[in-house]
Amino acid sequence: MNELQRQVHELVAEFGGYWEPFQMLAAFVEEVGELADELLNVEGIKGAGNRDRLEEELGDVMFALACIANYYRIDLLDALQKSIEKYRERDSGRWPNNR
């Protein structure tokens, strides 16, 4: 568990512990929806948005994701590193500048 996940864990412990996995997944999906709304605003598609609100929503998504990862004792930085390596190998020929 990295330092940021540890901080999330400590806060969740103060609040009484983690929710059940599907409750956390629902919270994560809700936060992704709020991120989508704000991204539509920032891009001028749905209204007027601002980068501060976009940053807040990204943070909320990361918090919800950290809760799920902590519940299952998965270090998000390790998981991200593995994904970066997977995409590097799998998708190296898919991007226009790599062909």
N, C-alpha and C. Protein backbone atom coordinates (compact mmCIF):
# COMPACT_ATOMS: atom_id res chain seq x y z
N MET A 1 0.86 -1.18 0.00
CA MET A 1 0.00 0.00 0.00
C MET A 1 0.90 1.24 0.00
N ASN A 2 0.66 2.13 -0.94
CA ASN A 2 1.46 3.35 -1.01
C ASN A 2 0.94 4.39 0.00
N GLU A 3 1.66 5.49 0.12
CA GLU A 3 1.33 6.50 1.13
C GLU A 3 -0.07 7.09 0.96
N LEU A 4 -0.46 7.40 -0.26
CA LEU A 4 -1.79 7.97 -0.46
C LEU A 4 -2.88 6.96 -0.10
N GLN A 5 -2.67 5.71 -0.47
CA GLN A 5 -3.64 4.68 -0.09
C GLN A 5 -3.68 4.52 1.43
N ARG A 6 -2.56 4.67 2.08
CA ARG A 6 -2.51 4.58 3.53
C ARG A 6 -3.34 5.71 4.16
N GLN A 7 -3.24 6.91 3.58
CA GLN A 7 -4.03 8.04 4.08
C GLN A 7 -5.53 7.78 3.89
N VAL A 8 -5.90 7.21 2.75
CA VAL A 8 -7.30 6.86 2.51
C VAL A 8 -7.74 5.84 3.55
N HIS A 9 -6.90 4.84 3.78
CA HIS A 9 -7.23 3.79 4.75
C HIS A 9 -7.45 4.37 6.14
N GLU A 10 -6.59 5.27 6.54
CA GLU A 10 -6.73 5.88 7.87
C GLU A 10 -8.03 6.68 7.97
N LEU A 11 -8.38 7.41 6.93
CA LEU A 11 -9.62 8.18 6.95
C LEU A 11 -10.84 7.26 6.99
N VAL A 12 -10.82 6.22 6.18
CA VAL A 12 -11.93 5.28 6.17
C VAL A 12 -12.07 4.61 7.53
N ALA A 13 -10.96 4.29 8.16
CA ALA A 13 -10.99 3.68 9.50
C ALA A 13 -11.63 4.64 10.50
N GLU A 14 -11.32 5.94 10.38
CA GLU A 14 -11.94 6.94 11.26
C GLU A 14 -13.45 6.96 11.10
N PHE A 15 -13.91 6.72 9.87
CA PHE A 15 -15.34 6.76 9.56
C PHE A 15 -16.05 5.45 9.83
N GLY A 16 -15.32 4.43 10.27
CA GLY A 16 -15.96 3.17 10.64
C GLY A 16 -15.67 1.98 9.73
N GLY A 17 -14.85 2.16 8.73
CA GLY A 17 -14.46 1.03 7.89
C GLY A 17 -15.02 1.09 6.48
N TYR A 18 -14.59 0.14 5.71
CA TYR A 18 -14.96 0.08 4.29
C TYR A 18 -16.38 -0.41 4.12
N TRP A 19 -17.01 0.06 3.05
CA TRP A 19 -18.31 -0.45 2.66
C TRP A 19 -18.11 -1.84 2.04
N GLU A 20 -19.21 -2.49 1.74
CA GLU A 20 -19.15 -3.76 1.02
C GLU A 20 -18.67 -3.48 -0.41
N PRO A 21 -18.03 -4.48 -1.05
CA PRO A 21 -17.44 -4.25 -2.37
C PRO A 21 -18.38 -3.64 -3.40
N PHE A 22 -19.61 -4.13 -3.50
CA PHE A 22 -20.50 -3.58 -4.53
C PHE A 22 -21.01 -2.20 -4.16
N GLN A 23 -21.04 -1.86 -2.89
CA GLN A 23 -21.36 -0.49 -2.49
C GLN A 23 -20.23 0.44 -2.91
N MET A 24 -19.00 -0.02 -2.73
CA MET A 24 -17.85 0.79 -3.16
C MET A 24 -17.82 0.93 -4.68
N LEU A 25 -18.19 -0.14 -5.39
CA LEU A 25 -18.23 -0.06 -6.84
C LEU A 25 -19.29 0.93 -7.29
N ALA A 26 -20.44 0.92 -6.64
CA ALA A 26 -21.49 1.88 -6.97
C ALA A 26 -21.01 3.32 -6.72
N ALA A 27 -20.30 3.54 -5.63
CA ALA A 27 -19.76 4.87 -5.34
C ALA A 27 -18.74 5.28 -6.40
N PHE A 28 -17.91 4.33 -6.83
CA PHE A 28 -16.92 4.59 -7.87
C PHE A 28 -17.62 4.98 -9.18
N VAL A 29 -18.63 4.23 -9.57
CA VAL A 29 -19.36 4.52 -10.80
C VAL A 29 -20.03 5.89 -10.71
N GLU A 30 -20.59 6.20 -9.55
CA GLU A 30 -21.20 7.52 -9.36
C GLU A 30 -20.17 8.62 -9.55
N GLU A 31 -18.98 8.43 -8.98
CA GLU A 31 -17.92 9.44 -9.13
C GLU A 31 -17.46 9.56 -10.57
N VAL A 32 -17.39 8.45 -11.29
CA VAL A 32 -17.02 8.50 -12.71
C VAL A 32 -18.08 9.28 -13.49
N GLY A 33 -19.35 9.10 -13.13
CA GLY A 33 -20.41 9.88 -13.77
C GLY A 33 -20.26 11.36 -13.52
N GLU A 34 -19.91 11.73 -12.30
CA GLU A 34 -19.68 13.14 -11.99
C GLU A 34 -18.47 13.68 -12.75
N LEU A 35 -17.44 12.85 -12.90
CA LEU A 35 -16.28 13.24 -13.70
C LEU A 35 -16.69 13.47 -15.15
N ALA A 36 -17.52 12.58 -15.68
CA ALA A 36 -17.98 12.72 -17.07
C ALA A 36 -18.77 14.02 -17.24
N ASP A 37 -19.64 14.32 -16.30
CA ASP A 37 -20.41 15.57 -16.37
C ASP A 37 -19.49 16.78 -16.39
N GLU A 38 -18.49 16.77 -15.52
CA GLU A 38 -17.60 17.93 -15.45
C GLU A 38 -16.72 18.03 -16.69
N LEU A 39 -16.31 16.89 -17.23
CA LEU A 39 -15.52 16.91 -18.46
C LEU A 39 -16.34 17.49 -19.61
N LEU A 40 -17.61 17.13 -19.67
CA LEU A 40 -18.50 17.73 -20.68
C LEU A 40 -18.60 19.24 -20.48
N ASN A 41 -18.63 19.68 -19.24
CA ASN A 41 -18.66 21.12 -18.97
C ASN A 41 -17.37 21.80 -19.39
N VAL A 42 -16.25 21.23 -19.00
CA VAL A 42 -14.95 21.83 -19.33
C VAL A 42 -14.75 21.92 -20.83
N GLU A 43 -15.24 20.93 -21.55
CA GLU A 43 -15.11 20.93 -23.01
C GLU A 43 -16.17 21.79 -23.70
N GLY A 44 -17.06 22.39 -22.90
CA GLY A 44 -18.06 23.28 -23.47
C GLY A 44 -19.22 22.58 -24.15
N ILE A 45 -19.36 21.30 -23.94
CA ILE A 45 -20.42 20.52 -24.58
C ILE A 45 -21.72 20.65 -23.83
N LYS A 46 -21.64 20.69 -22.52
CA LYS A 46 -22.85 20.67 -21.71
C LYS A 46 -23.07 21.98 -20.96
N GLY A 47 -22.06 22.74 -20.76
CA GLY A 47 -22.18 23.97 -20.01
C GLY A 47 -20.81 24.57 -19.80
N ALA A 48 -20.69 25.34 -18.76
CA ALA A 48 -19.41 25.95 -18.43
C ALA A 48 -18.81 25.22 -17.24
N GLY A 49 -17.60 24.76 -17.38
CA GLY A 49 -16.92 24.07 -16.30
C GLY A 49 -15.60 24.74 -16.00
N ASN A 50 -14.94 24.22 -14.99
CA ASN A 50 -13.61 24.75 -14.70
C ASN A 50 -12.68 23.63 -14.28
N ARG A 51 -11.42 23.88 -14.45
CA ARG A 51 -10.41 22.86 -14.18
C ARG A 51 -10.33 22.50 -12.70
N ASP A 52 -10.64 23.43 -11.81
CA ASP A 52 -10.63 23.12 -10.39
C ASP A 52 -11.66 22.05 -10.05
N ARG A 53 -12.83 22.20 -10.64
CA ARG A 53 -13.89 21.20 -10.41
C ARG A 53 -13.52 19.87 -11.06
N LEU A 54 -12.89 19.92 -12.23
CA LEU A 54 -12.41 18.71 -12.89
C LEU A 54 -11.38 18.00 -12.02
N GLU A 55 -10.48 18.77 -11.45
CA GLU A 55 -9.47 18.19 -10.55
C GLU A 55 -10.13 17.54 -9.34
N GLU A 56 -11.14 18.21 -8.79
CA GLU A 56 -11.86 17.65 -7.64
C GLU A 56 -12.51 16.32 -8.00
N GLU A 57 -13.14 16.26 -9.16
CA GLU A 57 -13.81 15.02 -9.57
C GLU A 57 -12.80 13.91 -9.84
N LEU A 58 -11.66 14.24 -10.43
CA LEU A 58 -10.61 13.24 -10.61
C LEU A 58 -10.14 12.70 -9.26
N GLY A 59 -9.99 13.59 -8.29
CA GLY A 59 -9.60 13.17 -6.95
C GLY A 59 -10.64 12.26 -6.32
N ASP A 60 -11.92 12.58 -6.52
CA ASP A 60 -12.99 11.75 -5.98
C ASP A 60 -12.97 10.35 -6.59
N VAL A 61 -12.73 10.28 -7.90
CA VAL A 61 -12.63 8.98 -8.57
C VAL A 61 -11.46 8.18 -7.99
N MET A 62 -10.34 8.86 -7.80
CA MET A 62 -9.17 8.18 -7.25
C MET A 62 -9.40 7.71 -5.82
N PHE A 63 -10.11 8.51 -5.03
CA PHE A 63 -10.42 8.11 -3.66
C PHE A 63 -11.28 6.85 -3.66
N ALA A 64 -12.32 6.85 -4.49
CA ALA A 64 -13.21 5.68 -4.56
C ALA A 64 -12.45 4.45 -5.04
N LEU A 65 -11.56 4.63 -6.02
CA LEU A 65 -10.76 3.52 -6.52
C LEU A 65 -9.80 3.02 -5.45
N ALA A 66 -9.21 3.94 -4.69
CA ALA A 66 -8.30 3.55 -3.61
C ALA A 66 -9.03 2.73 -2.55
N CYS A 67 -10.28 3.05 -2.28
CA CYS A 67 -11.05 2.28 -1.31
C CYS A 67 -11.20 0.83 -1.77
N ILE A 68 -11.52 0.65 -3.04
CA ILE A 68 -11.65 -0.71 -3.58
C ILE A 68 -10.31 -1.43 -3.52
N ALA A 69 -9.27 -0.76 -3.96
CA ALA A 69 -7.94 -1.38 -3.96
C ALA A 69 -7.51 -1.75 -2.53
N ASN A 70 -7.74 -0.86 -1.59
CA ASN A 70 -7.37 -1.14 -0.21
C ASN A 70 -8.13 -2.34 0.34
N TYR A 71 -9.39 -2.42 0.03
CA TYR A 71 -10.22 -3.53 0.50
C TYR A 71 -9.62 -4.86 0.08
N TYR A 72 -9.10 -4.89 -1.15
CA TYR A 72 -8.53 -6.12 -1.69
C TYR A 72 -7.00 -6.18 -1.54
N ARG A 73 -6.44 -5.21 -0.83
CA ARG A 73 -4.99 -5.14 -0.57
C ARG A 73 -4.17 -5.13 -1.87
N ILE A 74 -4.58 -4.26 -2.77
CA ILE A 74 -3.88 -4.07 -4.03
C ILE A 74 -3.26 -2.69 -4.03
N ASP A 75 -1.97 -2.63 -4.27
CA ASP A 75 -1.27 -1.35 -4.36
C ASP A 75 -1.55 -0.76 -5.74
N LEU A 76 -2.20 0.41 -5.77
CA LEU A 76 -2.58 1.02 -7.05
C LEU A 76 -1.38 1.39 -7.91
N LEU A 77 -0.30 1.82 -7.30
CA LEU A 77 0.88 2.17 -8.09
C LEU A 77 1.47 0.95 -8.76
N ASP A 78 1.49 -0.19 -8.05
CA ASP A 78 1.96 -1.43 -8.67
C ASP A 78 1.03 -1.85 -9.81
N ALA A 79 -0.28 -1.75 -9.57
CA ALA A 79 -1.25 -2.11 -10.60
C ALA A 79 -1.10 -1.22 -11.83
N LEU A 80 -0.90 0.08 -11.61
CA LEU A 80 -0.73 1.01 -12.72
C LEU A 80 0.56 0.70 -13.50
N GLN A 81 1.63 0.40 -12.79
CA GLN A 81 2.89 0.06 -13.46
C GLN A 81 2.71 -1.16 -14.35
N LYS A 82 2.00 -2.16 -13.86
CA LYS A 82 1.74 -3.36 -14.67
C LYS A 82 0.90 -3.03 -15.89
N SER A 83 -0.06 -2.13 -15.74
CA SER A 83 -0.89 -1.74 -16.87
C SER A 83 -0.08 -0.96 -17.91
N ILE A 84 0.80 -0.09 -17.45
CA ILE A 84 1.66 0.66 -18.37
C ILE A 84 2.49 -0.31 -19.19
N GLU A 85 3.07 -1.30 -18.54
CA GLU A 85 3.88 -2.29 -19.25
C GLU A 85 3.04 -3.10 -20.22
N LYS A 86 1.81 -3.46 -19.81
CA LYS A 86 0.91 -4.20 -20.69
C LYS A 86 0.58 -3.39 -21.93
N TYR A 87 0.21 -2.11 -21.74
CA TYR A 87 -0.12 -1.27 -22.89
C TYR A 87 1.09 -1.03 -23.79
N ARG A 88 2.25 -0.87 -23.18
CA ARG A 88 3.46 -0.65 -23.97
C ARG A 88 3.70 -1.84 -24.90
N GLU A 89 3.55 -3.04 -24.39
CA GLU A 89 3.79 -4.23 -25.21
C GLU A 89 2.65 -4.47 -26.20
N ARG A 90 1.43 -4.37 -25.73
CA ARG A 90 0.27 -4.73 -26.54
C ARG A 90 -0.05 -3.69 -27.60
N ASP A 91 0.11 -2.41 -27.28
CA ASP A 91 -0.38 -1.35 -28.14
C ASP A 91 0.71 -0.55 -28.84
N SER A 92 1.93 -1.02 -28.82
CA SER A 92 3.02 -0.22 -29.37
C SER A 92 2.82 0.11 -30.85
N GLY A 93 2.15 -0.73 -31.60
CA GLY A 93 1.94 -0.48 -33.03
C GLY A 93 0.61 0.20 -33.34
N ARG A 94 -0.19 0.47 -32.33
CA ARG A 94 -1.53 1.03 -32.57
C ARG A 94 -1.54 2.54 -32.71
N TRP A 95 -0.57 3.23 -32.18
CA TRP A 95 -0.56 4.70 -32.17
C TRP A 95 0.06 5.19 -33.46
N PRO A 96 -0.49 6.21 -34.07
CA PRO A 96 -0.01 6.69 -35.38
C PRO A 96 1.49 6.99 -35.41
N ASN A 97 2.05 7.53 -34.36
CA ASN A 97 3.47 7.90 -34.40
C ASN A 97 4.39 6.71 -34.18
N ASN A 98 3.84 5.52 -33.93
CA ASN A 98 4.66 4.33 -33.71
C ASN A 98 4.59 3.36 -34.89
N ARG A 99 3.95 3.74 -35.94
CA ARG A 99 3.79 2.81 -37.08
C ARG A 99 4.91 2.98 -38.07
